[in-house]
């Protein structure tokens, strides 16, 4: 093995190294985002243009009067990523 290959492998292993707590936070954050996407908030648009919250339902439901509330879903995903990122950084052993 060439010296440059050893350097690349050692750098790659330090970049991708996560302790067990960071792995748990990453997996939990990914699962929460997947569940949020599969069970999104819906909104129903009334006849007069007013919209009201329809609640949460499975993405594969067959309700025809309601649509996915994209704004609320994106806010939820952003908050989950933000909180997960904070926990990920806090649990890093190198930042002691």
PDB file of N, CA and C in Angstrom:
ATOM      1  N   UNK A   1       0.845  -1.165   0.000  1.00  0.00           N
ATOM      2  CA  UNK A   1       0.000   0.000   0.000  1.00  0.00           C
ATOM      3  C   UNK A   1       0.896   1.234   0.000  1.00  0.00           C
ATOM      4  N   UNK A   2       0.525   2.196  -0.830  1.00  0.00           N
ATOM      5  CA  UNK A   2       1.306   3.427  -0.924  1.00  0.00           C
ATOM      6  C   UNK A   2       1.059   4.321   0.283  1.00  0.00           C
ATOM      7  N   UNK A   3       2.007   5.221   0.529  1.00  0.00           N
ATOM      8  CA  UNK A   3       1.892   6.137   1.661  1.00  0.00           C
ATOM      9  C   UNK A   3       0.675   7.048   1.502  1.00  0.00           C
ATOM     10  N   UNK A   4       0.375   7.475   0.285  1.00  0.00           N
ATOM     11  CA  UNK A   4      -0.769   8.357   0.058  1.00  0.00           C
ATOM     12  C   UNK A   4      -2.081   7.628   0.356  1.00  0.00           C
ATOM     13  N   UNK A   5      -2.139   6.331   0.045  1.00  0.00           N
ATOM     14  CA  UNK A   5      -3.338   5.554   0.348  1.00  0.00           C
ATOM     15  C   UNK A   5      -3.553   5.453   1.849  1.00  0.00           C
ATOM     16  N   UNK A   6      -2.471   5.241   2.585  1.00  0.00           N
ATOM     17  CA  UNK A   6      -2.589   5.169   4.042  1.00  0.00           C
ATOM     18  C   UNK A   6      -3.079   6.495   4.610  1.00  0.00           C
ATOM     19  N   UNK A   7      -2.600   7.606   4.048  1.00  0.00           N
ATOM     20  CA  UNK A   7      -3.024   8.924   4.521  1.00  0.00           C
ATOM     21  C   UNK A   7      -4.510   9.145   4.257  1.00  0.00           C
ATOM     22  N   UNK A   8      -4.973   8.783   3.060  1.00  0.00           N
ATOM     23  CA  UNK A   8      -6.392   8.962   2.719  1.00  0.00           C
ATOM     24  C   UNK A   8      -7.266   8.094   3.603  1.00  0.00           C
ATOM     25  N   UNK A   9      -6.854   6.850   3.833  1.00  0.00           N
ATOM     26  CA  UNK A   9      -7.645   5.951   4.677  1.00  0.00           C
ATOM     27  C   UNK A   9      -7.683   6.459   6.111  1.00  0.00           C
ATOM     28  N   UNK A  10      -6.550   6.941   6.622  1.00  0.00           N
ATOM     29  CA  UNK A  10      -6.549   7.426   8.002  1.00  0.00           C
ATOM     30  C   UNK A  10      -7.394   8.684   8.137  1.00  0.00           C
ATOM     31  N   UNK A  11      -7.357   9.578   7.167  1.00  0.00           N
ATOM     32  CA  UNK A  11      -8.183  10.790   7.219  1.00  0.00           C
ATOM     33  C   UNK A  11      -9.656  10.425   7.102  1.00  0.00           C
ATOM     34  N   UNK A  12      -9.989   9.485   6.219  1.00  0.00           N
ATOM     35  CA  UNK A  12     -11.387   9.089   6.047  1.00  0.00           C
ATOM     36  C   UNK A  12     -11.929   8.456   7.322  1.00  0.00           C
ATOM     37  N   UNK A  13     -11.115   7.651   8.000  1.00  0.00           N
ATOM     38  CA  UNK A  13     -11.594   7.004   9.218  1.00  0.00           C
ATOM     39  C   UNK A  13     -11.791   8.014  10.337  1.00  0.00           C
ATOM     40  N   UNK A  14     -11.009   9.081  10.383  1.00  0.00           N
ATOM     41  CA  UNK A  14     -11.221  10.086  11.427  1.00  0.00           C
ATOM     42  C   UNK A  14     -12.411  10.975  11.098  1.00  0.00           C
ATOM     43  N   UNK A  15     -12.698  11.174   9.821  1.00  0.00           N
ATOM     44  CA  UNK A  15     -13.855  11.986   9.440  1.00  0.00           C
ATOM     45  C   UNK A  15     -15.148  11.246   9.750  1.00  0.00           C
ATOM     46  N   UNK A  16     -15.213   9.979   9.436  1.00  0.00           N
ATOM     47  CA  UNK A  16     -16.447   9.226   9.607  1.00  0.00           C
ATOM     48  C   UNK A  16     -16.593   8.614  10.984  1.00  0.00           C
ATOM     49  N   UNK A  17     -15.649   8.833  11.855  1.00  0.00           N
ATOM     50  CA  UNK A  17     -15.723   8.230  13.178  1.00  0.00           C
ATOM     51  C   UNK A  17     -16.771   8.941  14.027  1.00  0.00           C
ATOM     52  N   UNK A  18     -17.681   8.160  14.556  1.00  0.00           N
ATOM     53  CA  UNK A  18     -18.685   8.678  15.480  1.00  0.00           C
ATOM     54  C   UNK A  18     -18.711   7.764  16.687  1.00  0.00           C
ATOM     55  N   UNK A  19     -18.886   8.349  17.853  1.00  0.00           N
ATOM     56  CA  UNK A  19     -19.041   7.490  19.018  1.00  0.00           C
ATOM     57  C   UNK A  19     -20.474   6.949  19.038  1.00  0.00           C
ATOM     58  N   UNK A  20     -20.745   6.036  19.943  1.00  0.00           N
ATOM     59  CA  UNK A  20     -22.032   5.344  19.960  1.00  0.00           C
ATOM     60  C   UNK A  20     -23.187   6.306  20.213  1.00  0.00           C
ATOM     61  N   UNK A  21     -22.975   7.317  21.046  1.00  0.00           N
ATOM     62  CA  UNK A  21     -24.038   8.280  21.315  1.00  0.00           C
ATOM     63  C   UNK A  21     -24.375   9.104  20.080  1.00  0.00           C
ATOM     64  N   UNK A  22     -23.374   9.470  19.306  1.00  0.00           N
ATOM     65  CA  UNK A  22     -23.624  10.207  18.076  1.00  0.00           C
ATOM     66  C   UNK A  22     -24.359   9.353  17.055  1.00  0.00           C
ATOM     67  N   UNK A  23     -24.022   8.063  16.992  1.00  0.00           N
ATOM     68  CA  UNK A  23     -24.727   7.169  16.082  1.00  0.00           C
ATOM     69  C   UNK A  23     -26.191   7.040  16.472  1.00  0.00           C
ATOM     70  N   UNK A  24     -26.456   6.950  17.769  1.00  0.00           N
ATOM     71  CA  UNK A  24     -27.840   6.848  18.247  1.00  0.00           C
ATOM     72  C   UNK A  24     -28.610   8.114  17.888  1.00  0.00           C
ATOM     73  N   UNK A  25     -28.001   9.278  18.099  1.00  0.00           N
ATOM     74  CA  UNK A  25     -28.665  10.544  17.766  1.00  0.00           C
ATOM     75  C   UNK A  25     -28.942  10.620  16.273  1.00  0.00           C
ATOM     76  N   UNK A  26     -27.993  10.209  15.446  1.00  0.00           N
ATOM     77  CA  UNK A  26     -28.179  10.254  13.996  1.00  0.00           C
ATOM     78  C   UNK A  26     -29.304   9.330  13.553  1.00  0.00           C
ATOM     79  N   UNK A  27     -29.349   8.128  14.102  1.00  0.00           N
ATOM     80  CA  UNK A  27     -30.397   7.179  13.724  1.00  0.00           C
ATOM     81  C   UNK A  27     -31.764   7.654  14.209  1.00  0.00           C
ATOM     82  N   UNK A  28     -31.840   8.144  15.437  1.00  0.00           N
ATOM     83  CA  UNK A  28     -33.122   8.620  15.979  1.00  0.00           C
ATOM     84  C   UNK A  28     -33.620   9.814  15.168  1.00  0.00           C
ATOM     85  N   UNK A  29     -32.735  10.724  14.802  1.00  0.00           N
ATOM     86  CA  UNK A  29     -33.131  11.880  13.994  1.00  0.00           C
ATOM     87  C   UNK A  29     -33.637  11.432  12.627  1.00  0.00           C
ATOM     88  N   UNK A  30     -32.953  10.498  12.003  1.00  0.00           N
ATOM     89  CA  UNK A  30     -33.383   9.997  10.693  1.00  0.00           C
ATOM     90  C   UNK A  30     -34.728   9.298  10.782  1.00  0.00           C
ATOM     91  N   UNK A  31     -34.940   8.510  11.842  1.00  0.00           N
ATOM     92  CA  UNK A  31     -36.222   7.811  12.012  1.00  0.00           C
ATOM     93  C   UNK A  31     -37.349   8.811  12.253  1.00  0.00           C
ATOM     94  N   UNK A  32     -37.095   9.834  13.058  1.00  0.00           N
ATOM     95  CA  UNK A  32     -38.123  10.851  13.308  1.00  0.00           C
ATOM     96  C   UNK A  32     -38.498  11.590  12.032  1.00  0.00           C
ATOM     97  N   UNK A  33     -37.533  11.926  11.219  1.00  0.00           N
ATOM     98  CA  UNK A  33     -37.826  12.619   9.967  1.00  0.00           C
ATOM     99  C   UNK A  33     -38.593  11.705   9.015  1.00  0.00           C
ATOM    100  N   UNK A  34     -38.233  10.432   8.979  1.00  0.00           N
ATOM    101  CA  UNK A  34     -38.973   9.486   8.140  1.00  0.00           C
ATOM    102  C   UNK A  34     -40.418   9.353   8.609  1.00  0.00           C
ATOM    103  N   UNK A  35     -40.621   9.273   9.913  1.00  0.00           N
ATOM    104  CA  UNK A  35     -41.988   9.179  10.437  1.00  0.00           C
ATOM    105  C   UNK A  35     -42.773  10.463  10.187  1.00  0.00           C
ATOM    106  N   UNK A  36     -42.119  11.609  10.308  1.00  0.00           N
ATOM    107  CA  UNK A  36     -42.792  12.876  10.013  1.00  0.00           C
ATOM    108  C   UNK A  36     -43.227  12.939   8.555  1.00  0.00           C
ATOM    109  N   UNK A  37     -42.409  12.382   7.671  1.00  0.00           N
ATOM    110  CA  UNK A  37     -42.736  12.393   6.254  1.00  0.00           C
ATOM    111  C   UNK A  37     -43.856  11.406   5.939  1.00  0.00           C
ATOM    112  N   UNK A  38     -43.871  10.263   6.609  1.00  0.00           N
ATOM    113  CA  UNK A  38     -44.919   9.278   6.372  1.00  0.00           C
ATOM    114  C   UNK A  38     -46.248   9.657   7.024  1.00  0.00           C
ATOM    115  N   UNK A  39     -46.226  10.471   8.054  1.00  0.00           N
ATOM    116  CA  UNK A  39     -47.420  10.854   8.805  1.00  0.00           C
ATOM    117  C   UNK A  39     -47.468  12.385   8.886  1.00  0.00           C
ATOM    118  N   UNK A  40     -47.669  13.063   7.738  1.00  0.00           N
ATOM    119  CA  UNK A  40     -47.541  14.521   7.699  1.00  0.00           C
ATOM    120  C   UNK A  40     -48.812  15.235   8.167  1.00  0.00           C
ATOM    121  N   UNK A  41     -48.697  16.540   8.426  1.00  0.00           N
ATOM    122  CA  UNK A  41     -49.885  17.336   8.744  1.00  0.00           C
ATOM    123  C   UNK A  41     -50.646  17.663   7.462  1.00  0.00           C
ATOM    124  N   UNK A  42     -51.959  17.612   7.550  1.00  0.00           N
ATOM    125  CA  UNK A  42     -52.810  17.937   6.411  1.00  0.00           C
ATOM    126  C   UNK A  42     -53.565  19.220   6.692  1.00  0.00           C
ATOM    127  N   UNK A  43     -53.964  19.882   5.629  1.00  0.00           N
ATOM    128  CA  UNK A  43     -54.758  21.099   5.727  1.00  0.00           C
ATOM    129  C   UNK A  43     -55.879  20.990   4.700  1.00  0.00           C
ATOM    130  N   UNK A  44     -57.069  21.429   5.077  1.00  0.00           N
ATOM    131  CA  UNK A  44     -58.184  21.380   4.138  1.00  0.00           C
ATOM    132  C   UNK A  44     -58.550  22.802   3.738  1.00  0.00           C
ATOM    133  N   UNK A  45     -58.768  22.986   2.459  1.00  0.00           N
ATOM    134  CA  UNK A  45     -59.130  24.290   1.922  1.00  0.00           C
ATOM    135  C   UNK A  45     -60.640  24.352   1.752  1.00  0.00           C
ATOM    136  N   UNK A  46     -61.227  25.362   2.363  1.00  0.00           N
ATOM    137  CA  UNK A  46     -62.674  25.513   2.291  1.00  0.00           C
ATOM    138  C   UNK A  46     -63.113  26.156   0.990  1.00  0.00           C
ATOM    139  N   UNK A  47     -64.430  26.233   0.826  1.00  0.00           N
ATOM    140  CA  UNK A  47     -65.003  26.817  -0.389  1.00  0.00           C
ATOM    141  C   UNK A  47     -64.699  28.315  -0.502  1.00  0.00           C
ATOM    142  N   UNK A  48     -64.691  29.020   0.621  1.00  0.00           N
ATOM    143  CA  UNK A  48     -64.497  30.468   0.598  1.00  0.00           C
ATOM    144  C   UNK A  48     -63.021  30.865   0.635  1.00  0.00           C
ATOM    145  N   UNK A  49     -62.116  29.931   0.482  1.00  0.00           N
ATOM    146  CA  UNK A  49     -60.686  30.216   0.470  1.00  0.00           C
ATOM    147  C   UNK A  49     -60.020  30.092   1.821  1.00  0.00           C
ATOM    148  N   UNK A  50     -60.810  29.898   2.857  1.00  0.00           N
ATOM    149  CA  UNK A  50     -60.229  29.729   4.183  1.00  0.00           C
ATOM    150  C   UNK A  50     -59.680  28.313   4.322  1.00  0.00           C
ATOM    151  N   UNK A  51     -58.586  28.209   5.025  1.00  0.00           N
ATOM    152  CA  UNK A  51     -57.999  26.888   5.236  1.00  0.00           C
ATOM    153  C   UNK A  51     -57.990  26.587   6.722  1.00  0.00           C
ATOM    154  N   UNK A  52     -58.168  25.333   7.030  1.00  0.00           N
ATOM    155  CA  UNK A  52     -58.152  24.916   8.428  1.00  0.00           C
ATOM    156  C   UNK A  52     -57.347  23.632   8.552  1.00  0.00           C
ATOM    157  N   UNK A  53     -56.777  23.454   9.738  1.00  0.00           N
ATOM    158  CA  UNK A  53     -55.979  22.262   9.982  1.00  0.00           C
ATOM    159  C   UNK A  53     -56.847  21.014   9.956  1.00  0.00           C
ATOM    160  N   UNK A  54     -56.416  20.043   9.211  1.00  0.00           N
ATOM    161  CA  UNK A  54     -57.160  18.790   9.091  1.00  0.00           C
ATOM    162  C   UNK A  54     -56.609  17.745  10.050  1.00  0.00           C
ATOM    163  N   UNK A  55     -55.394  17.930  10.533  1.00  0.00           N
ATOM    164  CA  UNK A  55     -54.772  16.979  11.445  1.00  0.00           C
ATOM    165  C   UNK A  55     -53.676  16.198  10.744  1.00  0.00           C
ATOM    166  N   UNK A  56     -53.261  15.132  11.378  1.00  0.00           N
ATOM    167  CA  UNK A  56     -52.203  14.278  10.845  1.00  0.00           C
ATOM    168  C   UNK A  56     -52.820  12.987  10.346  1.00  0.00           C
ATOM    169  N   UNK A  57     -52.296  12.488   9.237  1.00  0.00           N
ATOM    170  CA  UNK A  57     -52.786  11.234   8.671  1.00  0.00           C
ATOM    171  C   UNK A  57     -51.658  10.631   7.841  1.00  0.00           C
ATOM    172  N   UNK A  58     -51.803   9.355   7.521  1.00  0.00           N
ATOM    173  CA  UNK A  58     -50.786   8.688   6.724  1.00  0.00           C
ATOM    174  C   UNK A  58     -50.722   9.320   5.351  1.00  0.00           C
ATOM    175  N   UNK A  59     -49.554   9.386   4.779  1.00  0.00           N
ATOM    176  CA  UNK A  59     -49.349   9.999   3.475  1.00  0.00           C
ATOM    177  C   UNK A  59     -50.095   9.232   2.393  1.00  0.00           C
ATOM    178  N   UNK A  60     -50.345   7.942   2.617  1.00  0.00           N
ATOM    179  CA  UNK A  60     -51.017   7.110   1.628  1.00  0.00           C
ATOM    180  C   UNK A  60     -52.535   7.086   1.819  1.00  0.00           C
ATOM    181  N   UNK A  61     -53.063   7.946   2.686  1.00  0.00           N
ATOM    182  CA  UNK A  61     -54.507   7.967   2.898  1.00  0.00           C
ATOM    183  C   UNK A  61     -55.194   8.524   1.649  1.00  0.00           C
ATOM    184  N   UNK A  62     -56.451   8.220   1.517  1.00  0.00           N
ATOM    185  CA  UNK A  62     -57.183   8.585   0.303  1.00  0.00           C
ATOM    186  C   UNK A  62     -58.127   9.757   0.529  1.00  0.00           C
ATOM    187  N   UNK A  63     -57.814  10.655   1.435  1.00  0.00           N
ATOM    188  CA  UNK A  63     -58.671  11.817   1.632  1.00  0.00           C
ATOM    189  C   UNK A  63     -58.474  12.779   0.465  1.00  0.00           C
ATOM    190  N   UNK A  64     -59.558  13.169  -0.159  1.00  0.00           N
ATOM    191  CA  UNK A  64     -59.466  13.995  -1.351  1.00  0.00           C
ATOM    192  C   UNK A  64     -59.569  15.484  -1.040  1.00  0.00           C
ATOM    193  N   UNK A  65     -60.108  15.837   0.109  1.00  0.00           N
ATOM    194  CA  UNK A  65     -60.317  17.242   0.421  1.00  0.00           C
ATOM    195  C   UNK A  65     -59.127  17.887   1.109  1.00  0.00           C
ATOM    196  N   UNK A  66     -58.162  17.133   1.501  1.00  0.00           N
ATOM    197  CA  UNK A  66     -57.039  17.684   2.260  1.00  0.00           C
ATOM    198  C   UNK A  66     -55.735  17.518   1.487  1.00  0.00           C
ATOM    199  N   UNK A  67     -54.838  18.463   1.701  1.00  0.00           N
ATOM    200  CA  UNK A  67     -53.505  18.402   1.103  1.00  0.00           C
ATOM    201  C   UNK A  67     -52.460  18.491   2.220  1.00  0.00           C
ATOM    202  N   UNK A  68     -51.255  18.095   1.901  1.00  0.00           N
ATOM    203  CA  UNK A  68     -50.179  18.122   2.891  1.00  0.00           C
ATOM    204  C   UNK A  68     -49.793  19.576   3.152  1.00  0.00           C
ATOM    205  N   UNK A  69     -49.672  19.919   4.418  1.00  0.00           N
ATOM    206  CA  UNK A  69     -49.246  21.250   4.825  1.00  0.00           C
ATOM    207  C   UNK A  69     -47.718  21.276   4.773  1.00  0.00           C
ATOM    208  N   UNK A  70     -47.196  21.649   3.622  1.00  0.00           N
ATOM    209  CA  UNK A  70     -45.761  21.591   3.363  1.00  0.00           C
ATOM    210  C   UNK A  70     -44.987  22.519   4.297  1.00  0.00           C
ATOM    211  N   UNK A  71     -45.528  23.706   4.551  1.00  0.00           N
ATOM    212  CA  UNK A  71     -44.814  24.663   5.396  1.00  0.00           C
ATOM    213  C   UNK A  71     -44.596  24.103   6.798  1.00  0.00           C
ATOM    214  N   UNK A  72     -45.651  23.554   7.382  1.00  0.00           N
ATOM    215  CA  UNK A  72     -45.531  22.985   8.724  1.00  0.00           C
ATOM    216  C   UNK A  72     -44.608  21.775   8.736  1.00  0.00           C
ATOM    217  N   UNK A  73     -44.697  20.945   7.704  1.00  0.00           N
ATOM    218  CA  UNK A  73     -43.829  19.767   7.614  1.00  0.00           C
ATOM    219  C   UNK A  73     -42.357  20.171   7.517  1.00  0.00           C
ATOM    220  N   UNK A  74     -42.060  21.190   6.722  1.00  0.00           N
ATOM    221  CA  UNK A  74     -40.672  21.646   6.607  1.00  0.00           C
ATOM    222  C   UNK A  74     -40.174  22.248   7.908  1.00  0.00           C
ATOM    223  N   UNK A  75     -41.028  22.961   8.629  1.00  0.00           N
ATOM    224  CA  UNK A  75     -40.632  23.499   9.935  1.00  0.00           C
ATOM    225  C   UNK A  75     -40.328  22.358  10.900  1.00  0.00           C
ATOM    226  N   UNK A  76     -41.168  21.336  10.910  1.00  0.00           N
ATOM    227  CA  UNK A  76     -40.935  20.189  11.792  1.00  0.00           C
ATOM    228  C   UNK A  76     -39.621  19.498  11.458  1.00  0.00           C
ATOM    229  N   UNK A  77     -39.347  19.301  10.164  1.00  0.00           N
ATOM    230  CA  UNK A  77     -38.110  18.649   9.752  1.00  0.00           C
ATOM    231  C   UNK A  77     -36.909  19.506  10.132  1.00  0.00           C
ATOM    232  N   UNK A  78     -37.001  20.829   9.928  1.00  0.00           N
ATOM    233  CA  UNK A  78     -35.907  21.724  10.290  1.00  0.00           C
ATOM    234  C   UNK A  78     -35.627  21.677  11.791  1.00  0.00           C
ATOM    235  N   UNK A  79     -36.666  21.695  12.603  1.00  0.00           N
ATOM    236  CA  UNK A  79     -36.477  21.653  14.057  1.00  0.00           C
ATOM    237  C   UNK A  79     -35.845  20.321  14.469  1.00  0.00           C
ATOM    238  N   UNK A  80     -36.287  19.219  13.881  1.00  0.00           N
ATOM    239  CA  UNK A  80     -35.700  17.915  14.207  1.00  0.00           C
ATOM    240  C   UNK A  80     -34.222  17.869  13.812  1.00  0.00           C
ATOM    241  N   UNK A  81     -33.895  18.408  12.643  1.00  0.00           N
ATOM    242  CA  UNK A  81     -32.484  18.445  12.228  1.00  0.00           C
ATOM    243  C   UNK A  81     -31.661  19.360  13.130  1.00  0.00           C
ATOM    244  N   UNK A  82     -32.222  20.485  13.520  1.00  0.00           N
ATOM    245  CA  UNK A  82     -31.507  21.419  14.382  1.00  0.00           C
ATOM    246  C   UNK A  82     -31.225  20.805  15.748  1.00  0.00           C
ATOM    247  N   UNK A  83     -32.257  20.217  16.366  1.00  0.00           N
ATOM    248  CA  UNK A  83     -32.081  19.611  17.691  1.00  0.00           C
ATOM    249  C   UNK A  83     -31.156  18.403  17.600  1.00  0.00           C
ATOM    250  N   UNK A  84     -31.318  17.581  16.558  1.00  0.00           N
ATOM    251  CA  UNK A  84     -30.427  16.445  16.370  1.00  0.00           C
ATOM    252  C   UNK A  84     -28.986  16.883  16.156  1.00  0.00           C
ATOM    253  N   UNK A  85     -28.789  17.959  15.401  1.00  0.00           N
ATOM    254  CA  UNK A  85     -27.440  18.482  15.179  1.00  0.00           C
ATOM    255  C   UNK A  85     -26.806  19.014  16.449  1.00  0.00           C
ATOM    256  N   UNK A  86     -27.598  19.676  17.281  1.00  0.00           N
ATOM    257  CA  UNK A  86     -27.081  20.177  18.560  1.00  0.00           C
ATOM    258  C   UNK A  86     -26.651  19.005  19.439  1.00  0.00           C
ATOM    259  N   UNK A  87     -27.523  17.985  19.555  1.00  0.00           N
ATOM    260  CA  UNK A  87     -27.163  16.809  20.351  1.00  0.00           C
ATOM    261  C   UNK A  87     -25.932  16.120  19.780  1.00  0.00           C
ATOM    262  N   UNK A  88     -25.838  16.035  18.460  1.00  0.00           N
ATOM    263  CA  UNK A  88     -24.683  15.396  17.815  1.00  0.00           C
ATOM    264  C   UNK A  88     -23.395  16.118  18.186  1.00  0.00           C
ATOM    265  N   UNK A  89     -23.421  17.448  18.132  1.00  0.00           N
ATOM    266  CA  UNK A  89     -22.222  18.215  18.452  1.00  0.00           C
ATOM    267  C   UNK A  89     -21.889  18.182  19.940  1.00  0.00           C
ATOM    268  N   UNK A  90     -22.907  18.171  20.785  1.00  0.00           N
ATOM    269  CA  UNK A  90     -22.674  18.144  22.228  1.00  0.00           C
ATOM    270  C   UNK A  90     -22.056  16.809  22.643  1.00  0.00           C
ATOM    271  N   UNK A  91     -22.456  15.746  21.986  1.00  0.00           N
ATOM    272  CA  UNK A  91     -21.983  14.418  22.368  1.00  0.00           C
ATOM    273  C   UNK A  91     -20.633  14.051  21.754  1.00  0.00           C
ATOM    274  N   UNK A  92     -20.018  14.972  21.055  1.00  0.00           N
ATOM    275  CA  UNK A  92     -18.717  14.721  20.469  1.00  0.00           C
ATOM    276  C   UNK A  92     -17.642  14.740  21.550  1.00  0.00           C
ATOM    277  N   UNK A  93     -16.886  13.667  21.674  1.00  0.00           N
ATOM    278  CA  UNK A  93     -15.862  13.552  22.715  1.00  0.00           C
ATOM    279  C   UNK A  93     -14.690  14.471  22.466  1.00  0.00           C
ATOM    280  N   UNK A  94     -14.468  14.882  21.222  1.00  0.00           N
ATOM    281  CA  UNK A  94     -13.322  15.714  20.901  1.00  0.00           C
ATOM    282  C   UNK A  94     -13.498  17.148  21.366  1.00  0.00           C
ATOM    283  N   UNK A  95     -14.707  17.571  21.634  1.00  0.00           N
ATOM    284  CA  UNK A  95     -14.979  18.952  22.016  1.00  0.00           C
ATOM    285  C   UNK A  95     -14.906  19.165  23.520  1.00  0.00           C
ATOM    286  N   UNK A  96     -14.274  18.302  24.259  1.00  0.00           N
ATOM    287  CA  UNK A  96     -14.194  18.457  25.728  1.00  0.00           C
ATOM    288  C   UNK A  96     -13.278  19.573  26.111  1.00  0.00           C
TER     289      UNK A  96
END
